[in-house]
Amino acid sequence: MKRFVLLDTAPIPHGDSALCLFEYGEDFVIKIAGGDGGQLMNTRMHGSEDALAEIPCKKIAGRPEPRVLIGGLGMGFTLASALLHLGKSAEVVVAELVPGVIEWNRGALGAKSGYPINDPRTRIIEDDVAKVLNAAKGDYDAIMLDVDNGPEGLTQKSNTWLYSMDGLRQCHKALRAKGILAVWSSSADRKFSEKIAKAGFKAEAVQVYAHGNRGTRHTIWIAEKLG
């Protein structure tokens, strides 16, 4: 019988919680320490994480030297998908706040996604994606956000800034002309769709299966910069 085996615990900087990496049979699972037992992510179901990069990267792949930003390394599947759908001249910047998550992706966990962290097109920034965004102005062709559970932060209350009007407007500033903002969420949110539009985007909420073509579906907002 399969059981959860705790492999490591990684403190979340500037917070009171931590992330826990578990082995579960042939899969890996990440949970919040001391939480209700729910899974943040696992290596068996990553269809929506793949789509978070596939959809916007296909739209901008033909641009010269495309540069994209991913907020949250997670289990590396969004990064792997971005690299798959972009050419050799691309740069994929990944902002990851938790040092332990980066180390997990360099170890056994990384094998599940093919170690995209080692690709020469990858640039890892160990910092809060909010800080990376605030330092940017027209730097990216696409921005992909997969932080916490979506518009409502779980691991850090400060993450909610990303989904506020100020955060969305900063994403708008950080994007190049006709840049694409992609936002992952565990569920749909009509109010958030309206907020993205007010921030200067033409947005569409896409429903994507977490695994295969049935079962749980997640929401990805695909928003093109206007103006």
Protein backbone atom coordinates (compact mmCIF):
# COMPACT_ATOMS: atom_id res chain seq x y z
CA MET A 1 0.00 0.00 0.00
CA LYS A 2 1.29 3.44 -0.94
CA ARG A 3 1.89 5.93 1.83
CA PHE A 4 3.19 9.47 2.10
CA VAL A 5 6.87 9.60 3.02
CA LEU A 6 8.17 13.02 4.09
CA LEU A 7 11.41 13.79 2.25
CA ASP A 8 12.08 17.41 3.17
CA THR A 9 10.60 20.60 4.60
CA ALA A 10 11.37 24.03 3.14
CA PRO A 11 10.57 27.20 5.13
CA ILE A 12 8.77 29.96 3.23
CA PRO A 13 10.82 33.17 3.57
CA HIS A 14 9.13 36.01 5.46
CA GLY A 15 6.29 33.68 6.47
CA ASP A 16 5.26 31.44 9.32
CA SER A 17 4.73 28.31 7.26
CA ALA A 18 6.72 25.83 5.16
CA LEU A 19 6.34 23.52 2.20
CA CYS A 20 6.74 19.76 2.59
CA LEU A 21 7.91 17.39 -0.14
CA PHE A 22 6.52 13.86 0.06
CA GLU A 23 7.17 10.72 -1.90
CA TYR A 24 3.98 8.81 -2.68
CA GLY A 25 4.73 5.62 -4.54
CA GLU A 26 6.31 6.68 -7.82
CA ASP A 27 5.06 10.25 -7.48
CA PHE A 28 6.02 13.35 -5.50
CA VAL A 29 3.59 15.61 -3.66
CA ILE A 30 4.00 19.09 -2.16
CA LYS A 31 1.83 20.17 0.76
CA ILE A 32 1.72 23.09 3.18
CA ALA A 33 3.19 22.13 6.55
CA GLY A 34 0.53 21.87 9.23
CA GLY A 35 -2.26 22.27 6.70
CA ASP A 36 -5.42 20.24 6.23
CA GLY A 37 -3.58 17.54 4.33
CA GLY A 38 -4.54 18.88 0.91
CA GLN A 39 -2.02 18.77 -1.91
CA LEU A 40 -0.68 21.94 -3.51
CA MET A 41 0.68 19.96 -6.44
CA ASN A 42 1.80 16.51 -7.46
CA THR A 43 3.75 14.94 -10.30
CA ARG A 44 0.85 12.82 -11.55
CA MET A 45 -1.53 15.69 -12.36
CA HIS A 46 0.11 18.60 -14.16
CA GLY A 47 -1.97 19.10 -17.30
CA SER A 48 -3.04 22.61 -16.33
CA GLU A 49 0.54 23.55 -15.36
CA ASP A 50 1.65 22.45 -18.84
CA ALA A 51 -1.13 24.47 -20.47
CA LEU A 52 -0.23 27.58 -18.45
CA ALA A 53 2.92 27.86 -20.57
CA GLU A 54 1.82 26.11 -23.76
CA ILE A 55 -1.03 28.51 -24.57
CA PRO A 56 0.85 31.84 -24.23
CA CYS A 57 4.19 30.53 -25.52
CA LYS A 58 2.64 29.30 -28.75
CA LYS A 59 1.30 32.81 -29.28
CA ILE A 60 4.68 34.51 -28.91
CA ALA A 61 7.07 31.79 -30.11
CA GLY A 62 7.60 33.48 -33.49
CA ARG A 63 8.85 36.74 -32.01
CA PRO A 64 12.59 37.47 -32.17
CA GLU A 65 14.36 36.38 -28.97
CA PRO A 66 11.20 35.99 -26.88
CA ARG A 67 11.61 36.50 -23.15
CA VAL A 68 9.08 35.21 -20.65
CA LEU A 69 8.66 35.24 -16.88
CA ILE A 70 7.23 32.41 -14.78
CA GLY A 71 6.10 33.19 -11.25
CA GLY A 72 6.61 30.04 -9.23
CA LEU A 73 8.85 27.09 -10.15
CA GLY A 74 6.63 24.49 -8.51
CA MET A 75 7.51 21.04 -9.83
CA GLY A 76 9.05 22.40 -13.02
CA PHE A 77 6.29 21.41 -15.44
CA THR A 78 5.36 24.96 -16.51
CA LEU A 79 9.04 25.70 -17.11
CA ALA A 80 9.45 22.50 -19.13
CA SER A 81 6.39 23.36 -21.22
CA ALA A 82 7.64 26.89 -21.92
CA LEU A 83 11.00 25.56 -23.10
CA LEU A 84 9.26 22.98 -25.29
CA HIS A 85 7.20 25.61 -27.11
CA LEU A 86 9.88 28.29 -27.47
CA GLY A 87 12.89 28.33 -29.76
CA LYS A 88 16.62 28.30 -29.09
CA SER A 89 16.82 32.11 -28.86
CA ALA A 90 14.32 32.35 -25.98
CA GLU A 91 15.01 33.17 -22.35
CA VAL A 92 12.75 31.81 -19.62
CA VAL A 93 13.08 33.64 -16.31
CA VAL A 94 11.66 31.85 -13.26
CA ALA A 95 11.11 33.68 -9.97
CA GLU A 96 10.90 31.26 -7.02
CA LEU A 97 10.66 32.52 -3.45
CA VAL A 98 11.41 29.25 -1.63
CA PRO A 99 15.06 28.10 -1.91
CA GLY A 100 14.09 24.55 -1.02
CA VAL A 101 11.82 24.27 -4.06
CA ILE A 102 14.76 25.14 -6.31
CA GLU A 103 16.90 22.46 -4.66
CA TRP A 104 14.12 19.87 -4.99
CA ASN A 105 14.02 20.57 -8.73
CA ARG A 106 17.75 20.00 -8.96
CA GLY A 107 17.31 16.63 -7.23
CA ALA A 108 15.05 13.62 -7.74
CA LEU A 109 11.91 15.73 -8.20
CA GLY A 110 13.43 17.38 -11.27
CA ALA A 111 13.58 14.07 -13.12
CA LYS A 112 9.78 14.06 -13.42
CA SER A 113 9.83 17.17 -15.63
CA GLY A 114 13.13 16.38 -17.38
CA TYR A 115 15.33 18.78 -15.37
CA PRO A 116 14.30 21.94 -17.27
CA ILE A 117 16.13 23.92 -14.60
CA ASN A 118 19.39 22.85 -16.30
CA ASP A 119 18.41 24.14 -19.76
CA PRO A 120 20.74 26.98 -20.87
CA ARG A 121 17.68 29.10 -21.73
CA THR A 122 16.54 28.99 -18.10
CA ARG A 123 17.37 31.74 -15.62
CA ILE A 124 16.35 31.17 -12.00
CA ILE A 125 15.84 34.16 -9.69
CA GLU A 126 15.55 33.28 -6.01
CA ASP A 127 13.12 36.03 -5.03
CA ASP A 128 9.49 37.03 -4.80
CA VAL A 129 7.99 37.36 -8.29
CA ALA A 130 6.36 40.61 -7.12
CA LYS A 131 9.81 42.18 -6.74
CA VAL A 132 10.84 40.94 -10.17
CA LEU A 133 7.71 42.45 -11.70
CA ASN A 134 8.16 45.77 -9.94
CA ALA A 135 11.66 46.05 -11.44
CA ALA A 136 10.41 45.38 -14.98
CA LYS A 137 9.13 47.69 -17.69
CA GLY A 138 8.39 46.22 -21.10
CA ASP A 139 10.80 43.35 -20.47
CA TYR A 140 8.67 40.30 -21.25
CA ASP A 141 6.62 38.88 -24.10
CA ALA A 142 4.66 36.69 -21.68
CA ILE A 143 4.16 36.39 -17.94
CA MET A 144 2.85 33.18 -16.38
CA LEU A 145 1.70 33.25 -12.77
CA ASP A 146 1.18 30.09 -10.75
CA VAL A 147 1.45 31.35 -7.19
CA ASP A 148 -0.53 29.76 -4.36
CA ASN A 149 -4.01 28.63 -5.39
CA GLY A 150 -4.75 31.51 -7.73
CA PRO A 151 -6.27 34.92 -6.98
CA GLU A 152 -6.57 34.10 -3.28
CA GLY A 153 -3.17 33.42 -1.68
CA LEU A 154 -2.71 30.42 0.59
CA THR A 155 0.94 30.27 1.60
CA GLN A 156 1.42 34.03 2.04
CA LYS A 157 -1.11 36.83 2.35
CA SER A 158 1.31 39.12 0.51
CA ASN A 159 0.81 36.99 -2.62
CA THR A 160 -2.63 38.51 -3.04
CA TRP A 161 -0.92 41.68 -4.33
CA LEU A 162 -0.19 39.86 -7.58
CA TYR A 163 -3.91 39.54 -8.22
CA SER A 164 -4.85 43.03 -7.05
CA MET A 165 -5.45 45.90 -9.46
CA ASP A 166 -2.00 47.29 -8.64
CA GLY A 167 -0.38 43.93 -9.32
CA LEU A 168 -2.19 43.44 -12.62
CA ARG A 169 -1.29 46.95 -13.76
CA GLN A 170 2.34 46.20 -12.94
CA CYS A 171 2.11 43.07 -15.08
CA HIS A 172 0.77 45.29 -17.86
CA LYS A 173 3.81 47.57 -17.52
CA ALA A 174 6.21 44.62 -17.44
CA LEU A 175 4.93 43.25 -20.75
CA ARG A 176 6.03 44.26 -24.23
CA ALA A 177 3.49 45.31 -26.86
CA LYS A 178 0.78 42.64 -27.29
CA GLY A 179 2.34 40.67 -24.46
CA ILE A 180 0.40 37.82 -22.86
CA LEU A 181 -0.44 37.41 -19.18
CA ALA A 182 -1.44 33.88 -18.14
CA VAL A 183 -2.79 33.26 -14.62
CA TRP A 184 -3.45 29.80 -13.13
CA SER A 185 -6.23 29.23 -10.62
CA SER A 186 -7.79 26.18 -9.01
CA SER A 187 -11.24 27.59 -9.77
CA ALA A 188 -13.10 30.15 -11.88
CA ASP A 189 -13.66 33.69 -10.62
CA ARG A 190 -15.90 36.08 -12.56
CA LYS A 191 -14.81 39.09 -10.52
CA PHE A 192 -11.17 38.41 -11.33
CA SER A 193 -12.02 38.26 -15.04
CA GLU A 194 -13.54 41.73 -14.73
CA LYS A 195 -10.50 42.98 -12.82
CA ILE A 196 -8.09 41.82 -15.55
CA ALA A 197 -10.12 43.69 -18.16
CA LYS A 198 -10.01 46.89 -16.09
CA ALA A 199 -6.21 46.55 -15.85
CA GLY A 200 -5.87 46.91 -19.63
CA PHE A 201 -6.13 43.38 -20.96
CA LYS A 202 -8.37 41.48 -23.33
CA ALA A 203 -8.90 38.31 -21.29
CA GLU A 204 -10.37 34.85 -21.73
CA ALA A 205 -10.86 32.25 -18.99
CA VAL A 206 -9.91 28.80 -20.27
CA GLN A 207 -10.89 25.59 -18.49
CA VAL A 208 -8.16 22.93 -18.50
CA TYR A 209 -8.14 19.41 -17.08
CA ALA A 210 -5.63 18.74 -14.35
CA HIS A 211 -4.94 15.27 -15.76
CA GLY A 212 -5.91 13.80 -19.10
CA ASN A 213 -9.33 14.75 -20.42
CA ARG A 214 -11.59 14.17 -17.44
CA GLY A 215 -11.92 14.87 -13.75
CA THR A 216 -10.86 18.10 -12.01
CA ARG A 217 -10.59 21.20 -14.17
CA HIS A 218 -8.60 24.33 -13.40
CA THR A 219 -8.90 27.86 -14.81
CA ILE A 220 -6.24 29.72 -16.79
CA TRP A 221 -6.80 33.34 -17.73
CA ILE A 222 -5.14 34.23 -21.04
CA ALA A 223 -4.95 38.01 -21.28
CA GLU A 224 -3.44 40.06 -24.12
CA LYS A 225 -2.05 43.49 -23.31
CA LEU A 226 -3.99 46.34 -24.90
CA GLY A 227 -2.69 49.80 -25.67
